[in-house]
């Protein structure tokens, strides 16, 4: 599960918090775009970690054309595996 708080000022762009496998072939996480909050807003998503051989990377990927984005309380934590 990934969660974080974000607030912005005049921000235009996209924000992604994503886990990518060691081959940079598969990724999963949270992507947000569109209207962003001026006051703190919490985002949260449960996702399945991509399979990897040795390790995986967790990235905060911001693509912006203008403005400021602030982040707080960024967490990546394991949750119980879904029942099969």
PDB file of N, CA and C in Angstrom:
ATOM      1  N   UNK A   1       0.847  -1.171   0.000  1.00  0.00           N
ATOM      2  CA  UNK A   1       0.000   0.000   0.000  1.00  0.00           C
ATOM      3  C   UNK A   1       0.895   1.238   0.000  1.00  0.00           C
ATOM      4  N   UNK A   2       0.543   2.192  -0.811  1.00  0.00           N
ATOM      5  CA  UNK A   2       1.254   3.463  -0.821  1.00  0.00           C
ATOM      6  C   UNK A   2       0.275   4.532  -0.349  1.00  0.00           C
ATOM      7  N   UNK A   3       0.762   5.445   0.478  1.00  0.00           N
ATOM      8  CA  UNK A   3      -0.055   6.564   0.914  1.00  0.00           C
ATOM      9  C   UNK A   3       0.845   7.789   1.088  1.00  0.00           C
ATOM     10  N   UNK A   4       0.252   8.959   0.915  1.00  0.00           N
ATOM     11  CA  UNK A   4       0.978  10.211   1.117  1.00  0.00           C
ATOM     12  C   UNK A   4      -0.015  11.359   1.191  1.00  0.00           C
ATOM     13  N   UNK A   5       0.457  12.485   1.683  1.00  0.00           N
ATOM     14  CA  UNK A   5      -0.324  13.714   1.690  1.00  0.00           C
ATOM     15  C   UNK A   5       0.319  14.666   0.695  1.00  0.00           C
ATOM     16  N   UNK A   6      -0.530  15.461   0.036  1.00  0.00           N
ATOM     17  CA  UNK A   6      -0.031  16.389  -0.971  1.00  0.00           C
ATOM     18  C   UNK A   6      -0.845  17.681  -0.917  1.00  0.00           C
ATOM     19  N   UNK A   7      -0.173  18.794  -1.149  1.00  0.00           N
ATOM     20  CA  UNK A   7      -0.848  20.068  -1.371  1.00  0.00           C
ATOM     21  C   UNK A   7      -0.076  20.797  -2.457  1.00  0.00           C
ATOM     22  N   UNK A   8      -0.747  21.664  -3.168  1.00  0.00           N
ATOM     23  CA  UNK A   8      -0.117  22.314  -4.309  1.00  0.00           C
ATOM     24  C   UNK A   8      -0.475  23.795  -4.369  1.00  0.00           C
ATOM     25  N   UNK A   9       0.294  24.480  -5.196  1.00  0.00           N
ATOM     26  CA  UNK A   9       0.004  25.890  -5.473  1.00  0.00           C
ATOM     27  C   UNK A   9       0.268  26.112  -6.958  1.00  0.00           C
ATOM     28  N   UNK A  10      -0.804  26.364  -7.726  1.00  0.00           N
ATOM     29  CA  UNK A  10      -0.669  26.612  -9.153  1.00  0.00           C
ATOM     30  C   UNK A  10      -0.062  25.455  -9.930  1.00  0.00           C
ATOM     31  N   UNK A  11      -0.252  24.238  -9.441  1.00  0.00           N
ATOM     32  CA  UNK A  11       0.392  23.061 -10.041  1.00  0.00           C
ATOM     33  C   UNK A  11      -0.409  22.549 -11.228  1.00  0.00           C
ATOM     34  N   UNK A  12       0.300  22.271 -12.313  1.00  0.00           N
ATOM     35  CA  UNK A  12      -0.263  21.603 -13.487  1.00  0.00           C
ATOM     36  C   UNK A  12       0.688  20.490 -13.874  1.00  0.00           C
ATOM     37  N   UNK A  13       0.175  19.285 -13.948  1.00  0.00           N
ATOM     38  CA  UNK A  13       1.019  18.154 -14.304  1.00  0.00           C
ATOM     39  C   UNK A  13       0.463  16.863 -13.771  1.00  0.00           C
ATOM     40  N   UNK A  14       1.333  15.893 -13.591  1.00  0.00           N
ATOM     41  CA  UNK A  14       0.964  14.567 -13.084  1.00  0.00           C
ATOM     42  C   UNK A  14       1.930  14.156 -11.988  1.00  0.00           C
ATOM     43  N   UNK A  15       1.419  13.353 -11.066  1.00  0.00           N
ATOM     44  CA  UNK A  15       2.229  12.831  -9.969  1.00  0.00           C
ATOM     45  C   UNK A  15       2.038  11.319  -9.945  1.00  0.00           C
ATOM     46  N   UNK A  16       3.141  10.595  -9.872  1.00  0.00           N
ATOM     47  CA  UNK A  16       3.087   9.137  -9.791  1.00  0.00           C
ATOM     48  C   UNK A  16       4.005   8.669  -8.667  1.00  0.00           C
ATOM     49  N   UNK A  17       3.505   7.774  -7.852  1.00  0.00           N
ATOM     50  CA  UNK A  17       4.321   7.049  -6.889  1.00  0.00           C
ATOM     51  C   UNK A  17       4.237   5.610  -7.330  1.00  0.00           C
ATOM     52  N   UNK A  18       5.358   5.064  -7.780  1.00  0.00           N
ATOM     53  CA  UNK A  18       5.310   3.788  -8.491  1.00  0.00           C
ATOM     54  C   UNK A  18       6.476   2.882  -8.104  1.00  0.00           C
ATOM     55  N   UNK A  19       6.176   1.593  -7.997  1.00  0.00           N
ATOM     56  CA  UNK A  19       7.201   0.566  -7.792  1.00  0.00           C
ATOM     57  C   UNK A  19       7.500  -0.047  -9.156  1.00  0.00           C
ATOM     58  N   UNK A  20       8.775  -0.130  -9.500  1.00  0.00           N
ATOM     59  CA  UNK A  20       9.202  -0.676 -10.793  1.00  0.00           C
ATOM     60  C   UNK A  20      10.175  -1.817 -10.533  1.00  0.00           C
ATOM     61  N   UNK A  21       9.999  -2.930 -11.275  1.00  0.00           N
ATOM     62  CA  UNK A  21      10.888  -4.070 -11.051  1.00  0.00           C
ATOM     63  C   UNK A  21      12.302  -3.783 -11.559  1.00  0.00           C
ATOM     64  N   UNK A  22      13.233  -4.673 -11.228  1.00  0.00           N
ATOM     65  CA  UNK A  22      14.644  -4.452 -11.546  1.00  0.00           C
ATOM     66  C   UNK A  22      14.943  -4.468 -13.044  1.00  0.00           C
ATOM     67  N   UNK A  23      14.046  -4.986 -13.854  1.00  0.00           N
ATOM     68  CA  UNK A  23      14.239  -4.941 -15.305  1.00  0.00           C
ATOM     69  C   UNK A  23      13.576  -3.732 -15.943  1.00  0.00           C
ATOM     70  N   UNK A  24      12.954  -2.891 -15.136  1.00  0.00           N
ATOM     71  CA  UNK A  24      12.239  -1.683 -15.585  1.00  0.00           C
ATOM     72  C   UNK A  24      11.179  -2.043 -16.634  1.00  0.00           C
ATOM     73  N   UNK A  25      10.564  -3.234 -16.464  1.00  0.00           N
ATOM     74  CA  UNK A  25       9.576  -3.695 -17.437  1.00  0.00           C
ATOM     75  C   UNK A  25       8.152  -3.640 -16.908  1.00  0.00           C
ATOM     76  N   UNK A  26       7.983  -3.743 -15.598  1.00  0.00           N
ATOM     77  CA  UNK A  26       6.642  -3.743 -15.019  1.00  0.00           C
ATOM     78  C   UNK A  26       6.606  -2.793 -13.832  1.00  0.00           C
ATOM     79  N   UNK A  27       5.506  -2.054 -13.728  1.00  0.00           N
ATOM     80  CA  UNK A  27       5.345  -1.135 -12.620  1.00  0.00           C
ATOM     81  C   UNK A  27       3.915  -1.137 -12.112  1.00  0.00           C
ATOM     82  N   UNK A  28       3.747  -0.688 -10.874  1.00  0.00           N
ATOM     83  CA  UNK A  28       2.426  -0.573 -10.273  1.00  0.00           C
ATOM     84  C   UNK A  28       2.502   0.511  -9.216  1.00  0.00           C
ATOM     85  N   UNK A  29       1.386   1.165  -8.964  1.00  0.00           N
ATOM     86  CA  UNK A  29       1.376   2.190  -7.936  1.00  0.00           C
ATOM     87  C   UNK A  29       0.198   3.115  -8.089  1.00  0.00           C
ATOM     88  N   UNK A  30       0.434   4.383  -7.832  1.00  0.00           N
ATOM     89  CA  UNK A  30      -0.616   5.390  -7.805  1.00  0.00           C
ATOM     90  C   UNK A  30      -0.254   6.523  -8.741  1.00  0.00           C
ATOM     91  N   UNK A  31      -1.181   6.897  -9.601  1.00  0.00           N
ATOM     92  CA  UNK A  31      -0.979   8.001 -10.534  1.00  0.00           C
ATOM     93  C   UNK A  31      -2.157   8.955 -10.390  1.00  0.00           C
ATOM     94  N   UNK A  32      -1.863  10.244 -10.213  1.00  0.00           N
ATOM     95  CA  UNK A  32      -2.936  11.231 -10.120  1.00  0.00           C
ATOM     96  C   UNK A  32      -2.639  12.389 -11.056  1.00  0.00           C
ATOM     97  N   UNK A  33      -3.679  12.969 -11.564  1.00  0.00           N
ATOM     98  CA  UNK A  33      -3.564  14.121 -12.455  1.00  0.00           C
ATOM     99  C   UNK A  33      -4.825  14.946 -12.347  1.00  0.00           C
ATOM    100  N   UNK A  34      -4.898  16.010 -13.105  1.00  0.00           N
ATOM    101  CA  UNK A  34      -6.092  16.854 -13.079  1.00  0.00           C
ATOM    102  C   UNK A  34      -6.005  17.939 -12.036  1.00  0.00           C
ATOM    103  N   UNK A  35      -7.060  18.093 -11.256  1.00  0.00           N
ATOM    104  CA  UNK A  35      -7.115  19.145 -10.236  1.00  0.00           C
ATOM    105  C   UNK A  35      -6.431  18.680  -8.958  1.00  0.00           C
ATOM    106  N   UNK A  36      -5.569  19.508  -8.433  1.00  0.00           N
ATOM    107  CA  UNK A  36      -4.835  19.173  -7.221  1.00  0.00           C
ATOM    108  C   UNK A  36      -5.263  20.083  -6.076  1.00  0.00           C
ATOM    109  N   UNK A  37      -5.184  19.593  -4.851  1.00  0.00           N
ATOM    110  CA  UNK A  37      -5.669  20.360  -3.708  1.00  0.00           C
ATOM    111  C   UNK A  37      -4.707  21.472  -3.283  1.00  0.00           C
ATOM    112  N   UNK A  38      -5.278  22.599  -2.827  1.00  0.00           N
ATOM    113  CA  UNK A  38      -4.475  23.673  -2.249  1.00  0.00           C
ATOM    114  C   UNK A  38      -4.159  23.342  -0.788  1.00  0.00           C
ATOM    115  N   UNK A  39      -5.070  22.626  -0.124  1.00  0.00           N
ATOM    116  CA  UNK A  39      -4.846  22.185   1.251  1.00  0.00           C
ATOM    117  C   UNK A  39      -4.443  20.717   1.242  1.00  0.00           C
ATOM    118  N   UNK A  40      -3.861  20.260   2.356  1.00  0.00           N
ATOM    119  CA  UNK A  40      -3.389  18.881   2.441  1.00  0.00           C
ATOM    120  C   UNK A  40      -4.519  17.899   2.154  1.00  0.00           C
ATOM    121  N   UNK A  41      -4.252  16.934   1.270  1.00  0.00           N
ATOM    122  CA  UNK A  41      -5.181  15.848   0.967  1.00  0.00           C
ATOM    123  C   UNK A  41      -4.402  14.548   1.005  1.00  0.00           C
ATOM    124  N   UNK A  42      -5.010  13.508   1.587  1.00  0.00           N
ATOM    125  CA  UNK A  42      -4.340  12.208   1.652  1.00  0.00           C
ATOM    126  C   UNK A  42      -4.776  11.329   0.480  1.00  0.00           C
ATOM    127  N   UNK A  43      -3.801  10.655  -0.111  1.00  0.00           N
ATOM    128  CA  UNK A  43      -4.024   9.698  -1.190  1.00  0.00           C
ATOM    129  C   UNK A  43      -3.556   8.341  -0.702  1.00  0.00           C
ATOM    130  N   UNK A  44      -4.263   7.285  -1.113  1.00  0.00           N
ATOM    131  CA  UNK A  44      -3.906   5.941  -0.665  1.00  0.00           C
ATOM    132  C   UNK A  44      -4.340   4.938  -1.723  1.00  0.00           C
ATOM    133  N   UNK A  45      -3.500   3.917  -1.950  1.00  0.00           N
ATOM    134  CA  UNK A  45      -3.870   2.855  -2.894  1.00  0.00           C
ATOM    135  C   UNK A  45      -3.149   1.570  -2.520  1.00  0.00           C
ATOM    136  N   UNK A  46      -3.887   0.469  -2.563  1.00  0.00           N
ATOM    137  CA  UNK A  46      -3.307  -0.867  -2.399  1.00  0.00           C
ATOM    138  C   UNK A  46      -3.032  -1.400  -3.798  1.00  0.00           C
ATOM    139  N   UNK A  47      -1.836  -1.939  -4.019  1.00  0.00           N
ATOM    140  CA  UNK A  47      -1.477  -2.477  -5.329  1.00  0.00           C
ATOM    141  C   UNK A  47      -0.625  -3.712  -5.162  1.00  0.00           C
ATOM    142  N   UNK A  48      -0.531  -4.514  -6.222  1.00  0.00           N
ATOM    143  CA  UNK A  48       0.301  -5.718  -6.223  1.00  0.00           C
ATOM    144  C   UNK A  48       1.690  -5.332  -6.716  1.00  0.00           C
ATOM    145  N   UNK A  49       2.677  -5.628  -5.907  1.00  0.00           N
ATOM    146  CA  UNK A  49       4.072  -5.322  -6.255  1.00  0.00           C
ATOM    147  C   UNK A  49       4.465  -6.126  -7.493  1.00  0.00           C
ATOM    148  N   UNK A  50       5.105  -5.489  -8.478  1.00  0.00           N
ATOM    149  CA  UNK A  50       5.551  -6.256  -9.651  1.00  0.00           C
ATOM    150  C   UNK A  50       6.629  -7.274  -9.267  1.00  0.00           C
ATOM    151  N   UNK A  51       6.629  -8.416  -9.953  1.00  0.00           N
ATOM    152  CA  UNK A  51       7.646  -9.441  -9.678  1.00  0.00           C
ATOM    153  C   UNK A  51       9.023  -8.919 -10.052  1.00  0.00           C
ATOM    154  N   UNK A  52      10.025  -9.291  -9.249  1.00  0.00           N
ATOM    155  CA  UNK A  52      11.395  -8.866  -9.513  1.00  0.00           C
ATOM    156  C   UNK A  52      12.363  -9.972  -9.122  1.00  0.00           C
ATOM    157  N   UNK A  53      13.604  -9.906  -9.651  1.00  0.00           N
ATOM    158  CA  UNK A  53      14.615 -10.926  -9.371  1.00  0.00           C
ATOM    159  C   UNK A  53      15.446 -10.577  -8.144  1.00  0.00           C
ATOM    160  N   UNK A  54      16.029  -9.372  -8.101  1.00  0.00           N
ATOM    161  CA  UNK A  54      16.892  -8.984  -6.984  1.00  0.00           C
ATOM    162  C   UNK A  54      16.281  -7.866  -6.146  1.00  0.00           C
ATOM    163  N   UNK A  55      15.765  -6.859  -6.809  1.00  0.00           N
ATOM    164  CA  UNK A  55      15.213  -5.727  -6.074  1.00  0.00           C
ATOM    165  C   UNK A  55      14.232  -4.952  -6.948  1.00  0.00           C
ATOM    166  N   UNK A  56      13.550  -4.026  -6.340  1.00  0.00           N
ATOM    167  CA  UNK A  56      12.628  -3.149  -7.054  1.00  0.00           C
ATOM    168  C   UNK A  56      12.910  -1.720  -6.602  1.00  0.00           C
ATOM    169  N   UNK A  57      12.475  -0.777  -7.399  1.00  0.00           N
ATOM    170  CA  UNK A  57      12.669   0.631  -7.069  1.00  0.00           C
ATOM    171  C   UNK A  57      11.325   1.275  -6.819  1.00  0.00           C
ATOM    172  N   UNK A  58      11.297   2.215  -5.884  1.00  0.00           N
ATOM    173  CA  UNK A  58      10.086   2.974  -5.610  1.00  0.00           C
ATOM    174  C   UNK A  58      10.377   4.430  -5.952  1.00  0.00           C
ATOM    175  N   UNK A  59       9.612   4.983  -6.888  1.00  0.00           N
ATOM    176  CA  UNK A  59       9.887   6.317  -7.415  1.00  0.00           C
ATOM    177  C   UNK A  59       8.748   7.284  -7.140  1.00  0.00           C
ATOM    178  N   UNK A  60       9.110   8.522  -6.891  1.00  0.00           N
ATOM    179  CA  UNK A  60       8.161   9.625  -6.900  1.00  0.00           C
ATOM    180  C   UNK A  60       8.459  10.363  -8.193  1.00  0.00           C
ATOM    181  N   UNK A  61       7.520  10.302  -9.125  1.00  0.00           N
ATOM    182  CA  UNK A  61       7.742  10.798 -10.474  1.00  0.00           C
ATOM    183  C   UNK A  61       6.778  11.958 -10.717  1.00  0.00           C
ATOM    184  N   UNK A  62       7.319  13.161 -10.786  1.00  0.00           N
ATOM    185  CA  UNK A  62       6.499  14.354 -10.986  1.00  0.00           C
ATOM    186  C   UNK A  62       6.806  14.941 -12.353  1.00  0.00           C
ATOM    187  N   UNK A  63       5.763  15.112 -13.155  1.00  0.00           N
ATOM    188  CA  UNK A  63       5.882  15.766 -14.453  1.00  0.00           C
ATOM    189  C   UNK A  63       5.035  17.029 -14.368  1.00  0.00           C
ATOM    190  N   UNK A  64       5.675  18.191 -14.371  1.00  0.00           N
ATOM    191  CA  UNK A  64       4.936  19.433 -14.163  1.00  0.00           C
ATOM    192  C   UNK A  64       5.290  20.472 -15.216  1.00  0.00           C
ATOM    193  N   UNK A  65       4.288  21.287 -15.557  1.00  0.00           N
ATOM    194  CA  UNK A  65       4.514  22.410 -16.459  1.00  0.00           C
ATOM    195  C   UNK A  65       4.558  23.721 -15.691  1.00  0.00           C
ATOM    196  N   UNK A  66       4.022  23.703 -14.449  1.00  0.00           N
ATOM    197  CA  UNK A  66       4.098  24.902 -13.608  1.00  0.00           C
ATOM    198  C   UNK A  66       3.677  24.565 -12.187  1.00  0.00           C
ATOM    199  N   UNK A  67       4.019  25.440 -11.258  1.00  0.00           N
ATOM    200  CA  UNK A  67       3.540  25.343  -9.889  1.00  0.00           C
ATOM    201  C   UNK A  67       4.441  24.588  -8.934  1.00  0.00           C
ATOM    202  N   UNK A  68       3.900  24.407  -7.735  1.00  0.00           N
ATOM    203  CA  UNK A  68       4.613  23.778  -6.629  1.00  0.00           C
ATOM    204  C   UNK A  68       3.764  22.630  -6.084  1.00  0.00           C
ATOM    205  N   UNK A  69       4.400  21.507  -5.789  1.00  0.00           N
ATOM    206  CA  UNK A  69       3.739  20.371  -5.130  1.00  0.00           C
ATOM    207  C   UNK A  69       4.552  20.021  -3.894  1.00  0.00           C
ATOM    208  N   UNK A  70       3.868  19.893  -2.768  1.00  0.00           N
ATOM    209  CA  UNK A  70       4.525  19.510  -1.520  1.00  0.00           C
ATOM    210  C   UNK A  70       3.980  18.162  -1.068  1.00  0.00           C
ATOM    211  N   UNK A  71       4.858  17.329  -0.498  1.00  0.00           N
ATOM    212  CA  UNK A  71       4.493  15.997  -0.045  1.00  0.00           C
ATOM    213  C   UNK A  71       4.833  15.842   1.427  1.00  0.00           C
ATOM    214  N   UNK A  72       4.042  15.017   2.119  1.00  0.00           N
ATOM    215  CA  UNK A  72       4.313  14.696   3.522  1.00  0.00           C
ATOM    216  C   UNK A  72       3.836  13.278   3.796  1.00  0.00           C
ATOM    217  N   UNK A  73       4.408  12.673   4.801  1.00  0.00           N
ATOM    218  CA  UNK A  73       3.980  11.356   5.288  1.00  0.00           C
ATOM    219  C   UNK A  73       3.905  10.303   4.186  1.00  0.00           C
ATOM    220  N   UNK A  74       4.936  10.216   3.362  1.00  0.00           N
ATOM    221  CA  UNK A  74       4.981   9.210   2.301  1.00  0.00           C
ATOM    222  C   UNK A  74       5.278   7.851   2.935  1.00  0.00           C
ATOM    223  N   UNK A  75       4.392   6.870   2.658  1.00  0.00           N
ATOM    224  CA  UNK A  75       4.553   5.542   3.248  1.00  0.00           C
ATOM    225  C   UNK A  75       4.358   4.461   2.186  1.00  0.00           C
ATOM    226  N   UNK A  76       5.214   3.462   2.228  1.00  0.00           N
ATOM    227  CA  UNK A  76       5.058   2.246   1.440  1.00  0.00           C
ATOM    228  C   UNK A  76       5.084   1.112   2.453  1.00  0.00           C
ATOM    229  N   UNK A  77       3.979   0.401   2.580  1.00  0.00           N
ATOM    230  CA  UNK A  77       3.901  -0.625   3.611  1.00  0.00           C
ATOM    231  C   UNK A  77       3.215  -1.879   3.095  1.00  0.00           C
ATOM    232  N   UNK A  78       3.639  -3.001   3.625  1.00  0.00           N
ATOM    233  CA  UNK A  78       3.052  -4.285   3.239  1.00  0.00           C
ATOM    234  C   UNK A  78       1.696  -4.439   3.923  1.00  0.00           C
ATOM    235  N   UNK A  79       0.763  -5.017   3.191  1.00  0.00           N
ATOM    236  CA  UNK A  79      -0.539  -5.365   3.752  1.00  0.00           C
ATOM    237  C   UNK A  79      -0.768  -6.839   3.471  1.00  0.00           C
ATOM    238  N   UNK A  80      -1.716  -7.437   4.150  1.00  0.00           N
ATOM    239  CA  UNK A  80      -1.967  -8.864   3.954  1.00  0.00           C
ATOM    240  C   UNK A  80      -2.296  -9.148   2.492  1.00  0.00           C
ATOM    241  N   UNK A  81      -1.760 -10.236   2.005  1.00  0.00           N
ATOM    242  CA  UNK A  81      -2.023 -10.651   0.627  1.00  0.00           C
ATOM    243  C   UNK A  81      -3.492 -11.019   0.473  1.00  0.00           C
ATOM    244  N   UNK A  82      -4.067 -10.621  -0.647  1.00  0.00           N
ATOM    245  CA  UNK A  82      -5.481 -10.912  -0.896  1.00  0.00           C
ATOM    246  C   UNK A  82      -5.712 -12.416  -0.983  1.00  0.00           C
ATOM    247  N   UNK A  83      -6.863 -12.838  -0.553  1.00  0.00           N
ATOM    248  CA  UNK A  83      -7.215 -14.278  -0.616  1.00  0.00           C
ATOM    249  C   UNK A  83      -7.336 -14.705  -2.066  1.00  0.00           C
ATOM    250  N   UNK A  84      -6.858 -15.883  -2.356  1.00  0.00           N
ATOM    251  CA  UNK A  84      -6.889 -16.393  -3.734  1.00  0.00           C
ATOM    252  C   UNK A  84      -8.146 -17.175  -3.997  1.00  0.00           C
TER     253      UNK A  84
END
